[in-house]
Amino acid sequence: MRNFRLSVFVGSALLVWGAQAQAAGPSAAQQCADSTQVSHAACVREVGAAAQAARRGQLTSEDAATYERNAMARCSVFKNAQDRADCEKRMGPSARLSGSVDGGGLLREETTTYTITK
């Protein structure tokens, strides 16, 4: 009788968990349906990791100032002042963006025009 109660409890818990998972959104297979075979496994892993982090409350969206600080921090690797300034311009709002994260990368372009006099 004890084993029967345990199996009923476990079975009920799995049904409730399954219903919650279904209500949470599309499955990893649905979200990764258009990815290539090589990236499909990575996509499924990432979807699973994101779902787990969301359940733990670890997925947060930062404010705009935090994103701007992070973008400028990427330019700190440049030791040359001109290179660092160019990087900061590329990270700024006037930079032209192309590409996509889905496509493999986001490209930032900033054009500087110089006048050379002789």
C-alpha atoms as a PDB file:
ATOM      1  CA  MET A   1       0.000   0.000   0.000  1.00  0.00           C
ATOM      2  CA  ARG A   2       2.862   2.343   0.836  1.00  0.00           C
ATOM      3  CA  ASN A   3       4.490   1.846  -2.598  1.00  0.00           C
ATOM      4  CA  PHE A   4       1.150   2.469  -4.281  1.00  0.00           C
ATOM      5  CA  ARG A   5       0.763   5.849  -2.500  1.00  0.00           C
ATOM      6  CA  LEU A   6       4.306   6.810  -3.415  1.00  0.00           C
ATOM      7  CA  SER A   7       3.791   5.963  -7.072  1.00  0.00           C
ATOM      8  CA  VAL A   8       0.487   7.873  -7.156  1.00  0.00           C
ATOM      9  CA  PHE A   9       2.196  10.872  -5.549  1.00  0.00           C
ATOM     10  CA  VAL A  10       5.147  10.757  -7.956  1.00  0.00           C
ATOM     11  CA  GLY A  11       2.840  10.268 -10.924  1.00  0.00           C
ATOM     12  CA  SER A  12       0.692  13.231  -9.865  1.00  0.00           C
ATOM     13  CA  ALA A  13       3.760  15.394  -9.339  1.00  0.00           C
ATOM     14  CA  LEU A  14       5.030  14.554 -12.812  1.00  0.00           C
ATOM     15  CA  LEU A  15       1.660  15.418 -14.356  1.00  0.00           C
ATOM     16  CA  VAL A  16       1.587  18.781 -12.582  1.00  0.00           C
ATOM     17  CA  TRP A  17       5.195  19.505 -13.564  1.00  0.00           C
ATOM     18  CA  GLY A  18       4.472  18.537 -17.174  1.00  0.00           C
ATOM     19  CA  ALA A  19       1.423  20.800 -17.292  1.00  0.00           C
ATOM     20  CA  GLN A  20       3.466  23.712 -15.927  1.00  0.00           C
ATOM     21  CA  ALA A  21       6.240  23.088 -18.440  1.00  0.00           C
ATOM     22  CA  GLN A  22       3.700  22.963 -21.275  1.00  0.00           C
ATOM     23  CA  ALA A  23       2.062  26.203 -20.115  1.00  0.00           C
ATOM     24  CA  ALA A  24       5.443  27.922 -19.811  1.00  0.00           C
ATOM     25  CA  GLY A  25       5.926  28.169 -23.548  1.00  0.00           C
ATOM     26  CA  PRO A  26       7.125  26.313 -26.605  1.00  0.00           C
ATOM     27  CA  SER A  27       9.404  23.349 -26.109  1.00  0.00           C
ATOM     28  CA  ALA A  28      13.099  23.376 -26.901  1.00  0.00           C
ATOM     29  CA  ALA A  29      12.385  21.267 -29.989  1.00  0.00           C
ATOM     30  CA  GLN A  30       9.928  23.880 -31.257  1.00  0.00           C
ATOM     31  CA  GLN A  31      12.257  26.785 -30.497  1.00  0.00           C
ATOM     32  CA  CYS A  32      15.225  25.103 -32.183  1.00  0.00           C
ATOM     33  CA  ALA A  33      13.345  23.648 -35.163  1.00  0.00           C
ATOM     34  CA  ASP A  34      15.024  25.867 -37.767  1.00  0.00           C
ATOM     35  CA  SER A  35      18.588  25.485 -36.479  1.00  0.00           C
ATOM     36  CA  THR A  36      21.103  23.330 -38.325  1.00  0.00           C
ATOM     37  CA  GLN A  37      21.849  19.822 -37.116  1.00  0.00           C
ATOM     38  CA  VAL A  38      25.191  20.908 -35.654  1.00  0.00           C
ATOM     39  CA  SER A  39      23.722  23.860 -33.790  1.00  0.00           C
ATOM     40  CA  HIS A  40      20.479  22.058 -32.852  1.00  0.00           C
ATOM     41  CA  ALA A  41      22.086  20.279 -29.901  1.00  0.00           C
ATOM     42  CA  ALA A  42      23.632  23.532 -28.692  1.00  0.00           C
ATOM     43  CA  CYS A  43      20.300  25.321 -29.123  1.00  0.00           C
ATOM     44  CA  VAL A  44      18.457  22.692 -27.076  1.00  0.00           C
ATOM     45  CA  ARG A  45      21.116  22.950 -24.335  1.00  0.00           C
ATOM     46  CA  GLU A  46      20.835  26.749 -24.273  1.00  0.00           C
ATOM     47  CA  VAL A  47      17.026  26.669 -24.131  1.00  0.00           C
ATOM     48  CA  GLY A  48      17.226  24.201 -21.247  1.00  0.00           C
ATOM     49  CA  ALA A  49      19.815  26.284 -19.402  1.00  0.00           C
ATOM     50  CA  ALA A  50      17.739  29.439 -19.878  1.00  0.00           C
ATOM     51  CA  ALA A  51      14.609  27.704 -18.594  1.00  0.00           C
ATOM     52  CA  GLN A  52      16.502  26.454 -15.548  1.00  0.00           C
ATOM     53  CA  ALA A  53      17.931  29.924 -14.852  1.00  0.00           C
ATOM     54  CA  ALA A  54      14.462  31.444 -15.227  1.00  0.00           C
ATOM     55  CA  ARG A  55      13.032  29.013 -12.681  1.00  0.00           C
ATOM     56  CA  ARG A  56      15.769  30.050 -10.259  1.00  0.00           C
ATOM     57  CA  GLY A  57      15.074  33.739 -10.864  1.00  0.00           C
ATOM     58  CA  GLN A  58      18.518  34.283 -12.365  1.00  0.00           C
ATOM     59  CA  LEU A  59      17.368  35.822 -15.645  1.00  0.00           C
ATOM     60  CA  THR A  60      17.090  39.548 -15.222  1.00  0.00           C
ATOM     61  CA  SER A  61      17.063  42.473 -17.562  1.00  0.00           C
ATOM     62  CA  GLU A  62      19.393  45.276 -16.607  1.00  0.00           C
ATOM     63  CA  ASP A  63      18.701  48.950 -17.088  1.00  0.00           C
ATOM     64  CA  ALA A  64      20.039  50.927 -20.065  1.00  0.00           C
ATOM     65  CA  ALA A  65      22.891  52.445 -18.031  1.00  0.00           C
ATOM     66  CA  THR A  66      24.233  48.976 -17.199  1.00  0.00           C
ATOM     67  CA  TYR A  67      24.190  47.963 -20.871  1.00  0.00           C
ATOM     68  CA  GLU A  68      26.007  51.178 -21.810  1.00  0.00           C
ATOM     69  CA  ARG A  69      28.685  50.588 -19.143  1.00  0.00           C
ATOM     70  CA  ASN A  70      29.174  47.035 -20.402  1.00  0.00           C
ATOM     71  CA  ALA A  71      29.517  48.252 -23.986  1.00  0.00           C
ATOM     72  CA  MET A  72      32.122  50.832 -23.016  1.00  0.00           C
ATOM     73  CA  ALA A  73      33.981  48.291 -20.874  1.00  0.00           C
ATOM     74  CA  ARG A  74      34.593  46.265 -24.041  1.00  0.00           C
ATOM     75  CA  CYS A  75      36.721  49.150 -25.304  1.00  0.00           C
ATOM     76  CA  SER A  76      39.059  49.042 -22.299  1.00  0.00           C
ATOM     77  CA  VAL A  77      41.162  46.362 -24.015  1.00  0.00           C
ATOM     78  CA  PHE A  78      42.537  49.012 -26.356  1.00  0.00           C
ATOM     79  CA  LYS A  79      45.688  50.601 -24.911  1.00  0.00           C
ATOM     80  CA  ASN A  80      46.091  53.177 -27.667  1.00  0.00           C
ATOM     81  CA  ALA A  81      43.931  56.249 -26.927  1.00  0.00           C
ATOM     82  CA  GLN A  82      42.828  56.636 -30.567  1.00  0.00           C
ATOM     83  CA  ASP A  83      41.826  52.959 -30.827  1.00  0.00           C
ATOM     84  CA  ARG A  84      39.842  53.238 -27.587  1.00  0.00           C
ATOM     85  CA  ALA A  85      38.099  56.422 -28.788  1.00  0.00           C
ATOM     86  CA  ASP A  86      37.211  54.748 -32.103  1.00  0.00           C
ATOM     87  CA  CYS A  87      35.796  51.752 -30.226  1.00  0.00           C
ATOM     88  CA  GLU A  88      33.685  54.025 -28.016  1.00  0.00           C
ATOM     89  CA  LYS A  89      32.303  55.747 -31.132  1.00  0.00           C
ATOM     90  CA  ARG A  90      31.392  52.343 -32.595  1.00  0.00           C
ATOM     91  CA  MET A  91      29.558  51.480 -29.370  1.00  0.00           C
ATOM     92  CA  GLY A  92      27.736  54.829 -29.370  1.00  0.00           C
ATOM     93  CA  PRO A  93      24.280  55.622 -30.712  1.00  0.00           C
ATOM     94  CA  SER A  94      25.493  57.070 -34.020  1.00  0.00           C
ATOM     95  CA  ALA A  95      27.156  53.832 -35.140  1.00  0.00           C
ATOM     96  CA  ARG A  96      25.565  51.949 -38.008  1.00  0.00           C
ATOM     97  CA  LEU A  97      24.475  48.393 -37.134  1.00  0.00           C
ATOM     98  CA  SER A  98      24.204  45.481 -39.520  1.00  0.00           C
ATOM     99  CA  GLY A  99      23.865  41.744 -39.215  1.00  0.00           C
ATOM    100  CA  SER A 100      21.998  39.913 -36.503  1.00  0.00           C
ATOM    101  CA  VAL A 101      22.620  37.766 -33.484  1.00  0.00           C
ATOM    102  CA  ASP A 102      20.747  34.936 -35.225  1.00  0.00           C
ATOM    103  CA  GLY A 103      22.966  35.376 -38.260  1.00  0.00           C
ATOM    104  CA  GLY A 104      26.127  34.985 -36.211  1.00  0.00           C
ATOM    105  CA  GLY A 105      27.072  38.504 -35.279  1.00  0.00           C
ATOM    106  CA  LEU A 106      26.128  42.115 -34.965  1.00  0.00           C
ATOM    107  CA  LEU A 107      28.497  44.464 -36.781  1.00  0.00           C
ATOM    108  CA  ARG A 108      29.007  48.062 -35.672  1.00  0.00           C
ATOM    109  CA  GLU A 109      30.388  50.643 -38.062  1.00  0.00           C
ATOM    110  CA  GLU A 110      31.369  54.234 -37.479  1.00  0.00           C
ATOM    111  CA  THR A 111      32.778  56.334 -40.315  1.00  0.00           C
ATOM    112  CA  THR A 112      35.307  59.065 -39.666  1.00  0.00           C
ATOM    113  CA  THR A 113      36.213  61.432 -42.487  1.00  0.00           C
ATOM    114  CA  TYR A 114      39.646  63.038 -42.496  1.00  0.00           C
ATOM    115  CA  THR A 115      40.666  66.007 -44.623  1.00  0.00           C
ATOM    116  CA  ILE A 116      44.273  65.911 -45.730  1.00  0.00           C
ATOM    117  CA  THR A 117      45.828  69.183 -46.748  1.00  0.00           C
ATOM    118  CA  LYS A 118      49.119  69.512 -48.551  1.00  0.00           C
END
